[in-house]
Protein backbone atom coordinates (compact mmCIF):
# COMPACT_ATOMS: atom_id res chain seq x y z
CA MET A 1 15.38 -9.24 2.40
CA SER A 2 13.03 -8.28 -0.42
CA LYS A 3 9.48 -7.13 0.17
CA PRO A 4 6.49 -9.11 -1.11
CA ILE A 5 4.78 -7.76 -4.22
CA VAL A 6 1.01 -7.43 -3.95
CA GLU A 7 -1.23 -6.39 -6.83
CA TYR A 8 -4.22 -4.18 -6.16
CA GLN A 9 -7.39 -3.36 -8.08
CA GLY A 10 -8.85 0.07 -8.70
CA THR A 11 -7.40 3.29 -7.40
CA ALA A 12 -5.26 3.66 -4.29
CA ILE A 13 -6.63 6.23 -1.88
CA PHE A 14 -3.87 7.95 0.10
CA GLU A 15 -4.43 9.71 3.41
CA ASP A 16 -2.35 11.35 6.10
CA ARG A 17 -2.52 9.89 9.61
CA ILE A 18 -1.15 11.27 12.85
CA TYR A 19 1.15 8.91 14.76
CA GLY A 20 2.49 10.55 17.88
CA ASP A 21 4.17 13.78 16.78
CA ALA A 22 4.49 12.71 13.14
CA ILE A 23 2.15 12.84 10.16
CA VAL A 24 2.55 9.81 7.90
CA GLU A 25 0.85 8.71 4.70
CA VAL A 26 -1.00 5.38 4.36
CA ALA A 27 -3.06 3.95 1.51
CA HIS A 28 -6.36 2.12 1.13
CA VAL A 29 -6.51 -0.47 -1.67
CA PHE A 30 -8.26 -3.68 -2.65
CA ALA A 31 -5.33 -6.08 -2.40
CA ILE A 32 -5.14 -9.25 -4.47
CA GLY A 33 -3.32 -12.15 -2.82
CA HIS A 34 -1.72 -10.30 0.09
CA PRO A 35 0.53 -12.84 1.90
CA VAL A 36 -1.15 -12.21 5.27
CA LEU A 37 -4.52 -10.60 4.49
CA GLY A 38 -5.46 -12.40 1.28
CA SER A 39 -7.74 -10.58 -1.19
CA GLN A 40 -9.67 -7.81 0.52
CA ALA A 41 -9.77 -4.08 1.21
CA VAL A 42 -6.73 -3.14 3.29
CA ARG A 43 -5.16 -0.09 4.87
CA THR A 44 -1.43 -0.24 4.32
CA SER A 45 1.47 0.56 6.57
CA VAL A 46 3.36 3.81 6.03
CA VAL A 47 3.91 4.71 2.38
CA VAL A 48 7.60 5.36 1.70
CA GLU A 49 7.57 5.85 -2.08
CA LYS A 50 4.98 6.50 -4.83
CA HIS A 51 5.54 5.97 -8.56
CA ASN A 52 3.83 7.76 -11.46
CA ASN A 53 2.37 4.49 -12.81
CA GLY A 54 0.30 3.87 -9.65
CA ASP A 55 2.75 1.50 -7.96
CA PHE A 56 3.88 2.35 -4.45
CA GLU A 57 5.99 0.95 -1.64
CA THR A 58 5.21 0.76 2.06
CA LEU A 59 7.41 -0.17 5.00
CA ASN A 60 6.51 -3.82 4.43
CA THR A 61 5.23 -4.35 0.87
CA PHE A 62 5.52 -3.25 -2.76
CA TYR A 63 2.05 -2.64 -4.24
CA ARG A 64 1.62 -2.94 -7.99
CA LYS A 65 -1.49 -1.71 -9.80
CA GLU A 66 -3.23 -4.64 -11.51
CA ILE A 67 -3.30 -4.31 -15.30
């Protein structure tokens, strides 16, 4: 099953969060056309991979920086 691709505007802000005994990284972005949340500021699920071009992947979604 492939993940949905969501574009985002501006700069992604990454932060560490504590979940139980683990520290995980999440992001804050202004999502465009998120399949559940629509177009609004969102806090993502756990970030699993970041790319040099600003794109990143979470547990549930691939986020692509809007051009």
